[in-house]
């Protein structure tokens, strides 16, 4: 079964809307793990619109499962990650003013930059993952830069779920190829209770999914503990792994 890492950015968004510490981000992270999630994901941005850099530091003491920090490797981000030393860092090429991530890395164009950054993280025993579109060329590039894993950018799959057999095919091919190269496979962006089971059934060798927006939204209706179990149930399927 692929692991479920819960992205808690939206909890921070809610807290920041009123100031103060309600909801308590650290307590929510503790509860998410207690309720059975396999990890916590955060994606701090330079403007700290949701997760703050201090949150990233504070979470280190409460995350006892897998701790995944996503972000664009600007100098401040790299310095923070090297000090915290999470389980995994996921490199995402998002612009500072982007509402959310909307594309994967061009691992060919940015080979030199990414190779240098990844080597520094790996020297500090931090597993590295790069956010990718489902492209064989980009998967090959991820292997060349020394990444441990790829994270498949799944918004195109979610957007075209009405033709799911067609939508999932590039992801299945990319994941199979990545596995043959010795890369781990993560996935994230717009995965939900509607589409997650089909994705997990049809994408081989899936190690981990990172889900935030849809899961937190569903928790408003179903409760956080119940929602986490519902998502885990979608992953508890017979896959190709």
Protein backbone atom coordinates (compact mmCIF):
# COMPACT_ATOMS: atom_id res chain seq x y z
CA UNK A 1 0.00 0.00 0.00
CA UNK A 2 1.27 3.46 -0.90
CA UNK A 3 1.79 5.76 2.06
CA UNK A 4 -0.49 8.74 2.73
CA UNK A 5 1.25 12.00 3.59
CA UNK A 6 -1.15 14.79 4.58
CA UNK A 7 -0.32 18.30 3.44
CA UNK A 8 -1.32 20.70 6.23
CA UNK A 9 -0.94 23.99 4.35
CA UNK A 10 -4.69 24.60 4.50
CA UNK A 11 -4.66 24.29 8.29
CA UNK A 12 -2.11 27.10 8.36
CA UNK A 13 -4.24 29.13 5.93
CA UNK A 14 -7.19 28.89 8.30
CA UNK A 15 -5.06 29.84 11.29
CA UNK A 16 -3.54 32.81 9.50
CA UNK A 17 -6.95 34.14 8.49
CA UNK A 18 -7.61 35.31 12.06
CA UNK A 19 -4.15 35.48 13.58
CA UNK A 20 -3.42 33.72 16.84
CA UNK A 21 -3.05 29.97 16.99
CA UNK A 22 -6.45 28.53 16.15
CA UNK A 23 -6.37 25.93 14.78
CA UNK A 24 -3.15 24.82 16.44
CA UNK A 25 -0.99 23.55 13.56
CA UNK A 26 1.25 21.42 15.75
CA UNK A 27 -1.67 19.74 17.48
CA UNK A 28 -3.33 19.02 14.14
CA UNK A 29 -0.09 17.43 12.91
CA UNK A 30 0.00 15.25 16.02
CA UNK A 31 -3.63 14.22 15.51
CA UNK A 32 -3.18 13.44 11.82
CA UNK A 33 -0.40 11.00 12.71
CA UNK A 34 -2.41 9.53 15.60
CA UNK A 35 -5.31 9.00 13.19
CA UNK A 36 -3.11 6.84 10.97
CA UNK A 37 -1.48 9.02 8.30
CA UNK A 38 2.00 7.91 7.33
CA UNK A 39 3.50 11.38 7.08
CA UNK A 40 3.15 15.15 7.19
CA UNK A 41 3.84 17.39 4.18
CA UNK A 42 4.29 21.14 4.17
CA UNK A 43 5.02 23.57 1.35
CA UNK A 44 6.33 26.86 2.76
CA UNK A 45 6.43 29.73 0.28
CA UNK A 46 8.61 32.84 0.45
CA UNK A 47 5.62 35.06 1.34
CA UNK A 48 4.60 32.64 4.14
CA UNK A 49 0.97 32.88 3.04
CA UNK A 50 0.18 29.65 4.87
CA UNK A 51 3.05 27.58 6.33
CA UNK A 52 5.67 29.82 7.90
CA UNK A 53 9.34 28.97 8.07
CA UNK A 54 9.01 28.89 11.85
CA UNK A 55 6.23 26.31 11.48
CA UNK A 56 8.64 24.14 9.52
CA UNK A 57 11.14 24.32 12.36
CA UNK A 58 8.53 23.74 15.08
CA UNK A 59 7.05 20.71 13.32
CA UNK A 60 10.38 18.89 13.46
CA UNK A 61 9.77 18.10 17.14
CA UNK A 62 6.26 16.66 16.64
CA UNK A 63 6.47 14.75 13.35
CA UNK A 64 7.48 11.19 14.22
CA UNK A 65 6.33 9.66 10.93
CA UNK A 66 7.73 10.90 7.60
CA UNK A 67 8.35 14.62 7.35
CA UNK A 68 8.24 15.96 3.78
CA UNK A 69 9.09 19.59 3.02
CA UNK A 70 8.22 20.82 -0.48
CA UNK A 71 9.35 24.00 -2.15
CA UNK A 72 11.36 25.92 -4.68
CA UNK A 73 15.03 25.60 -3.66
CA UNK A 74 15.81 29.27 -3.25
CA UNK A 75 18.70 29.93 -0.82
CA UNK A 76 16.42 30.54 2.19
CA UNK A 77 14.57 27.29 1.55
CA UNK A 78 17.76 25.26 1.16
CA UNK A 79 19.21 26.72 4.36
CA UNK A 80 16.02 25.89 6.28
CA UNK A 81 15.84 22.30 5.02
CA UNK A 82 19.50 21.64 5.82
CA UNK A 83 18.94 22.80 9.40
CA UNK A 84 15.72 20.80 9.92
CA UNK A 85 16.83 17.65 8.07
CA UNK A 86 13.37 16.22 7.29
CA UNK A 87 12.85 12.71 5.98
CA UNK A 88 12.35 14.03 2.46
CA UNK A 89 12.65 17.26 0.52
CA UNK A 90 10.55 17.64 -2.62
CA UNK A 91 11.82 20.22 -5.09
CA UNK A 92 9.04 22.13 -6.83
CA UNK A 93 9.63 24.80 -9.51
CA UNK A 94 6.82 27.13 -8.49
CA UNK A 95 6.97 30.87 -9.04
CA UNK A 96 6.74 33.09 -5.97
CA UNK A 97 3.33 34.46 -7.01
CA UNK A 98 1.80 31.12 -8.02
CA UNK A 99 -1.44 30.19 -6.26
CA UNK A 100 -0.44 26.54 -6.36
CA UNK A 101 2.09 24.36 -8.16
CA UNK A 102 1.27 24.08 -11.86
CA UNK A 103 4.14 22.27 -13.62
CA UNK A 104 7.02 19.92 -13.06
CA UNK A 105 10.73 20.57 -13.43
CA UNK A 106 12.56 20.64 -16.71
CA UNK A 107 15.31 18.36 -15.45
CA UNK A 108 17.27 18.75 -18.67
CA UNK A 109 17.34 22.55 -18.73
CA UNK A 110 18.10 22.82 -15.01
CA UNK A 111 20.41 19.81 -14.76
CA UNK A 112 23.40 21.65 -13.32
CA UNK A 113 21.42 23.57 -10.72
CA UNK A 114 19.40 20.57 -9.57
CA UNK A 115 22.41 18.26 -9.44
CA UNK A 116 24.22 20.65 -7.12
CA UNK A 117 21.20 21.15 -4.84
CA UNK A 118 20.38 17.44 -4.64
CA UNK A 119 23.98 16.50 -3.86
CA UNK A 120 23.96 18.91 -0.93
CA UNK A 121 20.74 17.42 0.48
CA UNK A 122 21.95 13.85 0.02
CA UNK A 123 25.21 14.61 1.80
CA UNK A 124 22.99 15.53 4.75
CA UNK A 125 21.03 12.24 4.55
CA UNK A 126 17.84 13.87 3.26
CA UNK A 127 15.90 11.87 0.69
CA UNK A 128 15.30 13.96 -2.43
CA UNK A 129 12.30 14.00 -4.73
CA UNK A 130 11.67 16.17 -7.79
CA UNK A 131 8.23 17.29 -8.96
CA UNK A 132 7.75 16.07 -12.55
CA UNK A 133 5.30 15.93 -15.39
CA UNK A 134 4.80 12.33 -16.58
CA UNK A 135 7.47 12.43 -19.28
CA UNK A 136 10.05 9.73 -20.01
CA UNK A 137 12.55 12.44 -20.92
CA UNK A 138 12.07 14.18 -17.59
CA UNK A 139 12.24 10.90 -15.68
CA UNK A 140 15.58 10.20 -17.35
CA UNK A 141 16.65 13.68 -16.33
CA UNK A 142 15.66 13.01 -12.72
CA UNK A 143 17.88 9.95 -12.69
CA UNK A 144 20.76 11.93 -14.18
CA UNK A 145 20.60 14.64 -11.50
CA UNK A 146 20.76 12.08 -8.70
CA UNK A 147 17.22 12.28 -7.31
CA UNK A 148 16.01 9.46 -5.08
CA UNK A 149 12.38 9.80 -6.12
CA UNK A 150 10.09 11.64 -8.46
CA UNK A 151 6.73 13.15 -7.53
CA UNK A 152 4.33 12.92 -10.43
CA UNK A 153 2.28 16.11 -10.93
CA UNK A 154 -1.22 14.67 -11.12
CA UNK A 155 -3.38 17.71 -11.93
CA UNK A 156 -3.69 16.68 -15.61
CA UNK A 157 -4.93 13.24 -14.50
CA UNK A 158 -7.50 14.78 -12.15
CA UNK A 159 -8.66 17.33 -14.74
CA UNK A 160 -9.23 14.57 -17.31
CA UNK A 161 -10.62 11.93 -14.99
CA UNK A 162 -13.78 11.75 -17.14
CA UNK A 163 -11.55 9.90 -19.64
CA UNK A 164 -9.59 8.14 -16.93
CA UNK A 165 -8.14 5.34 -19.05
CA UNK A 166 -6.49 7.91 -21.30
CA UNK A 167 -5.60 10.28 -18.44
CA UNK A 168 -3.76 7.70 -16.36
CA UNK A 169 -1.71 6.15 -19.16
CA UNK A 170 1.22 8.66 -19.18
CA UNK A 171 1.52 8.26 -15.41
CA UNK A 172 1.56 4.47 -15.63
CA UNK A 173 4.28 4.59 -18.30
CA UNK A 174 6.37 7.16 -16.44
CA UNK A 175 6.14 5.26 -13.15
CA UNK A 176 7.12 1.95 -14.74
CA UNK A 177 10.10 3.58 -16.40
CA UNK A 178 11.15 5.37 -13.20
CA UNK A 179 11.04 2.11 -11.27
CA UNK A 180 13.28 0.42 -13.82
CA UNK A 181 15.79 3.25 -13.29
CA UNK A 182 15.72 2.67 -9.54
CA UNK A 183 13.70 5.80 -8.70
CA UNK A 184 10.94 5.83 -6.11
CA UNK A 185 7.54 7.17 -7.16
CA UNK A 186 5.45 9.71 -5.28
CA UNK A 187 2.42 11.56 -6.60
CA UNK A 188 0.39 14.60 -5.72
CA UNK A 189 -1.89 17.46 -6.77
CA UNK A 190 -5.69 17.28 -7.01
CA UNK A 191 -5.87 13.63 -5.94
CA UNK A 192 -9.16 13.05 -4.13
CA UNK A 193 -11.61 10.46 -2.89
CA UNK A 194 -13.08 10.42 -6.37
CA UNK A 195 -9.93 9.57 -8.32
CA UNK A 196 -7.34 8.20 -5.88
CA UNK A 197 -8.29 4.53 -5.96
CA UNK A 198 -8.17 4.35 -9.75
CA UNK A 199 -4.81 6.12 -9.78
CA UNK A 200 -3.35 3.73 -7.20
CA UNK A 201 -4.69 0.72 -9.09
CA UNK A 202 -3.16 1.80 -12.38
CA UNK A 203 0.13 3.46 -11.50
CA UNK A 204 2.75 0.85 -10.61
CA UNK A 205 5.32 1.00 -7.81
CA UNK A 206 3.65 3.93 -6.06
CA UNK A 207 5.45 4.74 -2.80
CA UNK A 208 3.58 7.76 -1.49
CA UNK A 209 0.83 10.27 -2.24
CA UNK A 210 0.75 13.75 -0.78
CA UNK A 211 -2.76 15.17 -0.41
CA UNK A 212 -3.86 18.39 1.21
CA UNK A 213 -6.62 20.53 -0.26
CA UNK A 214 -9.14 17.79 -1.04
CA UNK A 215 -8.49 15.89 2.19
CA UNK A 216 -8.86 18.93 4.44
CA UNK A 217 -12.01 19.97 2.55
CA UNK A 218 -13.49 16.48 2.98
CA UNK A 219 -12.66 16.61 6.70
CA UNK A 220 -15.15 19.50 7.06
CA UNK A 221 -17.90 17.01 6.23
CA UNK A 222 -16.57 13.68 7.48
CA UNK A 223 -14.21 14.63 10.33
CA UNK A 224 -10.45 14.45 10.19
CA UNK A 225 -9.93 10.95 11.56
CA UNK A 226 -12.65 9.43 9.41
CA UNK A 227 -11.37 11.23 6.31
CA UNK A 228 -7.82 9.96 6.79
CA UNK A 229 -9.15 6.41 7.03
CA UNK A 230 -11.27 6.96 3.92
CA UNK A 231 -8.21 8.06 1.95
CA UNK A 232 -6.15 5.16 3.24
CA UNK A 233 -8.91 2.80 2.14
CA UNK A 234 -8.58 4.14 -1.42
CA UNK A 235 -4.90 3.22 -1.33
CA UNK A 236 -5.53 -0.23 0.12
CA UNK A 237 -5.96 -1.84 -3.26
CA UNK A 238 -4.25 -4.55 -5.24
CA UNK A 239 -1.64 -2.62 -7.21
CA UNK A 240 1.26 -3.58 -9.43
CA UNK A 241 3.82 -3.11 -6.62
